[in-house]
Structures are given as structure tokens and as C-alpha cells.
Amino acid sequence: MTAEAGRSDYESLFPELWRKAYVVAYQVLGSQAQAEDAAQEAMAKAYSWWGRINRSPHGWVARTAYTQAIDIARRRVRSREVLGDDDVERPGRDPRLEDRMDLTAAIERLPRRQREVIVLRYLADQSEADTAAALGMRITTVRKHAQRGLASLGGHLATEMREA
């Protein structure tokens, strides 16, 4: 594939990939502006890696947007800890931020393959077949990882709720 053809593929898929990146990031962050930042970063990385990811860009972009969103969420939490304003209520603050952070932390504790399947299947809303293609595994393996990941998430979140 020529560089020109690669750019053309990227440009034609950009709107679809951008939406996927934004949706995944928004589900993690709950902030339109921060989700846009994460999606923008994911798309910039996709452009620079396009020659390697162009066979399965949807899964790659979703995973990258998720990673970018996690980084933004961690910086947000760290800045609150440094500033000591955990209890300060500000206009526009998402009251479900703690729930999102708990879920994000639980997802991060999953084994890599379970985490990837959960992100692609449920945050990026990909089908089992698309998830299998993006991760290079069989559909039955995707189902197994999804089932185990969801069970583990339920256990993590139930434990956190009991401890709270």
C-alpha cells in the first residue's frame, strides 16, 4: 500500500474512528472536553501508526482512546490529591466520577486479555466478531474472556461496596 492510499484510508475512516474513540473516552471520563482530548490523542497516534494498524483500526483506536482516558482520569485524581480539594463541590462536576473511577480501577485490575475484551465489547460497543478480529482470537475465546471479565468486575465492585 502506498503512503497516499494509506492516508486516503485514514481520511475515509476518520469520522467513524473518531466517534468510537470519543464514546470510549466519554464512558471513562464523563466529560465532553476531556473525552475530545483523549479521542484527539488516539487519532493522532492512529495516524502515526496507520501502516501497522490499518487492518484492524477500530479495536486499536478504542484501546488507545481507553488508555488515553485512563491517563487523563489519573491526572485528574492526582491533581485533586495535590490540591486537597476532594470534598469541594464545583459547578459542572460529574457526581458519578467516583463510580467511574471505581469501575475504571476494577477494569485495570483485570488480566490484559479480559480487559481488552471488556473495553472493546462494552465500552466501544463492538460485536464479538469485530472484537475477535481486532484481538486476533476466536469468537469463543472472546466470549470466555468477556464472561470471566464481567464476573471478576462484579466481584471487585461488590468487594469495594462492602468496604465503603
C-alpha atoms as a PDB file:
ATOM      1  CA  MET A   1       0.000   0.000   0.000  1.00  0.00           C
ATOM      2  CA  THR A   2       1.336   3.418  -0.900  1.00  0.00           C
ATOM      3  CA  ALA A   3       1.557   6.232   1.604  1.00  0.00           C
ATOM      4  CA  GLU A   4      -1.086   8.130  -0.383  1.00  0.00           C
ATOM      5  CA  ALA A   5      -3.502   5.170  -0.267  1.00  0.00           C
ATOM      6  CA  GLY A   6      -2.880   4.828   3.466  1.00  0.00           C
ATOM      7  CA  ARG A   7      -3.727   8.490   4.051  1.00  0.00           C
ATOM      8  CA  SER A   8      -6.864   8.080   1.973  1.00  0.00           C
ATOM      9  CA  ASP A   9      -7.967   5.087   4.068  1.00  0.00           C
ATOM     10  CA  TYR A  10      -7.301   7.040   7.251  1.00  0.00           C
ATOM     11  CA  GLU A  11      -9.270  10.029   5.996  1.00  0.00           C
ATOM     12  CA  SER A  12     -12.238   7.919   4.923  1.00  0.00           C
ATOM     13  CA  LEU A  13     -12.378   6.067   8.247  1.00  0.00           C
ATOM     14  CA  PHE A  14     -11.629   9.118  10.393  1.00  0.00           C
ATOM     15  CA  PRO A  15     -15.247  10.100  11.266  1.00  0.00           C
ATOM     16  CA  GLU A  16     -16.146   6.550  12.306  1.00  0.00           C
ATOM     17  CA  LEU A  17     -12.930   6.029  14.278  1.00  0.00           C
ATOM     18  CA  TRP A  18     -13.258   9.447  15.946  1.00  0.00           C
ATOM     19  CA  ARG A  19     -16.793   8.597  17.152  1.00  0.00           C
ATOM     20  CA  LYS A  20     -15.598   5.286  18.561  1.00  0.00           C
ATOM     21  CA  ALA A  21     -12.649   6.928  20.337  1.00  0.00           C
ATOM     22  CA  TYR A  22     -14.875   9.666  21.745  1.00  0.00           C
ATOM     23  CA  VAL A  23     -17.536   7.254  23.019  1.00  0.00           C
ATOM     24  CA  VAL A  24     -14.980   5.063  24.787  1.00  0.00           C
ATOM     25  CA  ALA A  25     -13.238   8.067  26.363  1.00  0.00           C
ATOM     26  CA  TYR A  26     -16.520   9.677  27.411  1.00  0.00           C
ATOM     27  CA  GLN A  27     -17.653   6.499  29.150  1.00  0.00           C
ATOM     28  CA  VAL A  28     -14.482   6.558  31.234  1.00  0.00           C
ATOM     29  CA  LEU A  29     -14.270  10.306  31.851  1.00  0.00           C
ATOM     30  CA  GLY A  30     -17.833  11.638  31.757  1.00  0.00           C
ATOM     31  CA  SER A  31     -16.532  14.949  30.424  1.00  0.00           C
ATOM     32  CA  GLN A  32     -17.083  16.067  26.856  1.00  0.00           C
ATOM     33  CA  ALA A  33     -13.953  18.219  26.711  1.00  0.00           C
ATOM     34  CA  GLN A  34     -11.699  15.574  28.220  1.00  0.00           C
ATOM     35  CA  ALA A  35     -13.196  12.848  26.020  1.00  0.00           C
ATOM     36  CA  GLU A  36     -12.468  15.017  22.984  1.00  0.00           C
ATOM     37  CA  ASP A  37      -8.868  15.425  24.157  1.00  0.00           C
ATOM     38  CA  ALA A  38      -8.473  11.654  24.589  1.00  0.00           C
ATOM     39  CA  ALA A  39     -10.069  10.968  21.193  1.00  0.00           C
ATOM     40  CA  GLN A  40      -7.840  13.547  19.529  1.00  0.00           C
ATOM     41  CA  GLU A  41      -4.746  11.966  21.062  1.00  0.00           C
ATOM     42  CA  ALA A  42      -5.889   8.481  19.999  1.00  0.00           C
ATOM     43  CA  MET A  43      -6.481   9.649  16.423  1.00  0.00           C
ATOM     44  CA  ALA A  44      -3.079  11.348  16.259  1.00  0.00           C
ATOM     45  CA  LYS A  45      -1.451   8.111  17.378  1.00  0.00           C
ATOM     46  CA  ALA A  46      -3.548   6.156  14.870  1.00  0.00           C
ATOM     47  CA  TYR A  47      -2.292   8.390  12.087  1.00  0.00           C
ATOM     48  CA  SER A  48       1.331   7.874  13.048  1.00  0.00           C
ATOM     49  CA  TRP A  49       0.862   4.088  13.344  1.00  0.00           C
ATOM     50  CA  TRP A  50      -1.528   3.724  10.402  1.00  0.00           C
ATOM     51  CA  GLY A  51       0.738   1.471   8.348  1.00  0.00           C
ATOM     52  CA  ARG A  52       0.673  -1.115  11.140  1.00  0.00           C
ATOM     53  CA  ILE A  53      -2.905  -0.815  12.384  1.00  0.00           C
ATOM     54  CA  ASN A  54      -4.881  -0.248   9.185  1.00  0.00           C
ATOM     55  CA  ARG A  55      -6.102  -3.863   9.051  1.00  0.00           C
ATOM     56  CA  SER A  56      -7.920  -3.554  12.362  1.00  0.00           C
ATOM     57  CA  PRO A  57      -8.086   0.129  13.246  1.00  0.00           C
ATOM     58  CA  HIS A  58     -11.372   0.106  15.190  1.00  0.00           C
ATOM     59  CA  GLY A  59     -10.106  -2.055  18.025  1.00  0.00           C
ATOM     60  CA  TRP A  60      -6.753  -0.316  18.115  1.00  0.00           C
ATOM     61  CA  VAL A  61      -8.329   3.140  18.295  1.00  0.00           C
ATOM     62  CA  ALA A  62     -10.783   2.024  21.010  1.00  0.00           C
ATOM     63  CA  ARG A  63      -7.997   0.564  23.155  1.00  0.00           C
ATOM     64  CA  THR A  64      -5.830   3.639  22.634  1.00  0.00           C
ATOM     65  CA  ALA A  65      -8.692   6.012  23.498  1.00  0.00           C
ATOM     66  CA  TYR A  66      -9.324   3.975  26.648  1.00  0.00           C
ATOM     67  CA  THR A  67      -5.658   4.230  27.624  1.00  0.00           C
ATOM     68  CA  GLN A  68      -5.650   7.973  26.971  1.00  0.00           C
ATOM     69  CA  ALA A  69      -8.817   8.397  29.051  1.00  0.00           C
ATOM     70  CA  ILE A  70      -7.282   6.439  31.927  1.00  0.00           C
ATOM     71  CA  ASP A  71      -4.230   8.707  31.825  1.00  0.00           C
ATOM     72  CA  ILE A  72      -6.443  11.809  31.931  1.00  0.00           C
ATOM     73  CA  ALA A  73      -8.514  10.367  34.789  1.00  0.00           C
ATOM     74  CA  ARG A  74      -5.376   9.575  36.784  1.00  0.00           C
ATOM     75  CA  ARG A  75      -4.039  13.091  36.289  1.00  0.00           C
ATOM     76  CA  ARG A  76      -7.407  14.474  37.422  1.00  0.00           C
ATOM     77  CA  VAL A  77      -7.331  12.373  40.598  1.00  0.00           C
ATOM     78  CA  ARG A  78      -3.698  13.280  41.295  1.00  0.00           C
ATOM     79  CA  SER A  79      -4.405  16.984  40.905  1.00  0.00           C
ATOM     80  CA  ARG A  80      -7.267  16.699  43.417  1.00  0.00           C
ATOM     81  CA  GLU A  81      -4.988  14.895  45.856  1.00  0.00           C
ATOM     82  CA  VAL A  82      -2.274  17.527  45.484  1.00  0.00           C
ATOM     83  CA  LEU A  83      -4.743  20.391  45.822  1.00  0.00           C
ATOM     84  CA  GLY A  84      -6.626  18.667  48.646  1.00  0.00           C
ATOM     85  CA  ASP A  85      -9.999  19.580  47.205  1.00  0.00           C
ATOM     86  CA  ASP A  86     -11.652  16.159  47.233  1.00  0.00           C
ATOM     87  CA  ASP A  87     -14.680  17.420  49.115  1.00  0.00           C
ATOM     88  CA  VAL A  88     -15.101  20.721  47.301  1.00  0.00           C
ATOM     89  CA  GLU A  89     -18.247  20.727  45.180  1.00  0.00           C
ATOM     90  CA  ARG A  90     -17.746  22.666  41.947  1.00  0.00           C
ATOM     91  CA  PRO A  91     -20.273  23.581  39.267  1.00  0.00           C
ATOM     92  CA  GLY A  92     -20.164  21.138  36.363  1.00  0.00           C
ATOM     93  CA  ARG A  93     -18.508  18.399  38.412  1.00  0.00           C
ATOM     94  CA  ASP A  94     -19.755  14.949  37.495  1.00  0.00           C
ATOM     95  CA  PRO A  95     -21.284  13.443  40.653  1.00  0.00           C
ATOM     96  CA  ARG A  96     -20.664   9.943  39.246  1.00  0.00           C
ATOM     97  CA  LEU A  97     -16.916  10.488  38.939  1.00  0.00           C
ATOM     98  CA  GLU A  98     -16.140   8.226  41.896  1.00  0.00           C
ATOM     99  CA  ASP A  99     -18.273   5.440  40.382  1.00  0.00           C
ATOM    100  CA  ARG A 100     -16.438   5.799  37.071  1.00  0.00           C
ATOM    101  CA  MET A 101     -13.088   5.742  38.823  1.00  0.00           C
ATOM    102  CA  ASP A 102     -14.074   2.613  40.783  1.00  0.00           C
ATOM    103  CA  LEU A 103     -15.135   0.880  37.573  1.00  0.00           C
ATOM    104  CA  THR A 104     -12.002   2.035  35.772  1.00  0.00           C
ATOM    105  CA  ALA A 105      -9.810   0.763  38.605  1.00  0.00           C
ATOM    106  CA  ALA A 106     -11.629  -2.588  38.542  1.00  0.00           C
ATOM    107  CA  ILE A 107     -11.156  -2.862  34.765  1.00  0.00           C
ATOM    108  CA  GLU A 108      -7.458  -2.056  35.155  1.00  0.00           C
ATOM    109  CA  ARG A 109      -7.071  -4.960  37.621  1.00  0.00           C
ATOM    110  CA  LEU A 110      -8.327  -7.480  35.062  1.00  0.00           C
ATOM    111  CA  PRO A 111      -5.831  -9.623  33.163  1.00  0.00           C
ATOM    112  CA  ARG A 112      -4.800  -7.964  29.893  1.00  0.00           C
ATOM    113  CA  ARG A 113      -6.932 -10.051  27.517  1.00  0.00           C
ATOM    114  CA  GLN A 114     -10.052  -9.789  29.700  1.00  0.00           C
ATOM    115  CA  ARG A 115      -9.507  -6.028  29.958  1.00  0.00           C
ATOM    116  CA  GLU A 116      -9.137  -5.700  26.183  1.00  0.00           C
ATOM    117  CA  VAL A 117     -12.286  -7.721  25.548  1.00  0.00           C
ATOM    118  CA  ILE A 118     -14.308  -5.741  28.109  1.00  0.00           C
ATOM    119  CA  VAL A 119     -13.144  -2.412  26.654  1.00  0.00           C
ATOM    120  CA  LEU A 120     -13.902  -3.399  23.052  1.00  0.00           C
ATOM    121  CA  ARG A 121     -17.160  -5.256  23.713  1.00  0.00           C
ATOM    122  CA  TYR A 122     -18.776  -2.976  26.273  1.00  0.00           C
ATOM    123  CA  LEU A 123     -17.114   0.440  26.138  1.00  0.00           C
ATOM    124  CA  ALA A 124     -16.533   0.518  22.364  1.00  0.00           C
ATOM    125  CA  ASP A 125     -19.731  -1.473  21.736  1.00  0.00           C
ATOM    126  CA  GLN A 126     -18.095  -3.805  19.222  1.00  0.00           C
ATOM    127  CA  SER A 127     -19.594  -7.135  18.231  1.00  0.00           C
ATOM    128  CA  GLU A 128     -17.993 -10.397  19.292  1.00  0.00           C
ATOM    129  CA  ALA A 129     -16.803 -10.934  15.710  1.00  0.00           C
ATOM    130  CA  ASP A 130     -15.220  -7.459  15.480  1.00  0.00           C
ATOM    131  CA  THR A 131     -13.596  -7.880  18.882  1.00  0.00           C
ATOM    132  CA  ALA A 132     -12.230 -11.279  17.873  1.00  0.00           C
ATOM    133  CA  ALA A 133     -10.812  -9.839  14.641  1.00  0.00           C
ATOM    134  CA  ALA A 134      -9.255  -6.851  16.435  1.00  0.00           C
ATOM    135  CA  LEU A 135      -7.583  -9.050  19.036  1.00  0.00           C
ATOM    136  CA  GLY A 136      -6.701 -11.946  16.740  1.00  0.00           C
ATOM    137  CA  MET A 137      -8.700 -14.562  18.633  1.00  0.00           C
ATOM    138  CA  ARG A 138     -11.686 -16.814  18.079  1.00  0.00           C
ATOM    139  CA  ILE A 139     -15.217 -15.694  18.955  1.00  0.00           C
ATOM    140  CA  THR A 140     -15.473 -18.423  21.585  1.00  0.00           C
ATOM    141  CA  THR A 141     -12.335 -17.043  23.229  1.00  0.00           C
ATOM    142  CA  VAL A 142     -13.861 -13.558  23.233  1.00  0.00           C
ATOM    143  CA  ARG A 143     -16.976 -14.960  24.928  1.00  0.00           C
ATOM    144  CA  LYS A 144     -14.864 -16.739  27.536  1.00  0.00           C
ATOM    145  CA  HIS A 145     -12.815 -13.624  28.340  1.00  0.00           C
ATOM    146  CA  ALA A 146     -15.955 -11.469  28.456  1.00  0.00           C
ATOM    147  CA  GLN A 147     -17.700 -13.871  30.827  1.00  0.00           C
ATOM    148  CA  ARG A 148     -14.690 -14.125  33.118  1.00  0.00           C
ATOM    149  CA  GLY A 149     -14.025 -10.385  32.987  1.00  0.00           C
ATOM    150  CA  LEU A 150     -17.612  -9.480  33.847  1.00  0.00           C
ATOM    151  CA  ALA A 151     -17.641 -11.984  36.696  1.00  0.00           C
ATOM    152  CA  SER A 152     -14.400 -10.563  38.025  1.00  0.00           C
ATOM    153  CA  LEU A 153     -15.683  -6.985  37.712  1.00  0.00           C
ATOM    154  CA  GLY A 154     -18.772  -7.933  39.676  1.00  0.00           C
ATOM    155  CA  GLY A 155     -16.576  -9.390  42.402  1.00  0.00           C
ATOM    156  CA  HIS A 156     -14.274  -6.351  42.514  1.00  0.00           C
ATOM    157  CA  LEU A 157     -17.136  -3.889  42.671  1.00  0.00           C
ATOM    158  CA  ALA A 158     -19.063  -5.907  45.262  1.00  0.00           C
ATOM    159  CA  THR A 159     -15.962  -6.035  47.481  1.00  0.00           C
ATOM    160  CA  GLU A 160     -15.442  -2.272  47.142  1.00  0.00           C
ATOM    161  CA  MET A 161     -19.089  -1.600  48.034  1.00  0.00           C
ATOM    162  CA  ARG A 162     -18.822  -3.764  51.158  1.00  0.00           C
ATOM    163  CA  GLU A 163     -15.641  -1.960  52.207  1.00  0.00           C
ATOM    164  CA  ALA A 164     -17.173   1.507  51.673  1.00  0.00           C
END
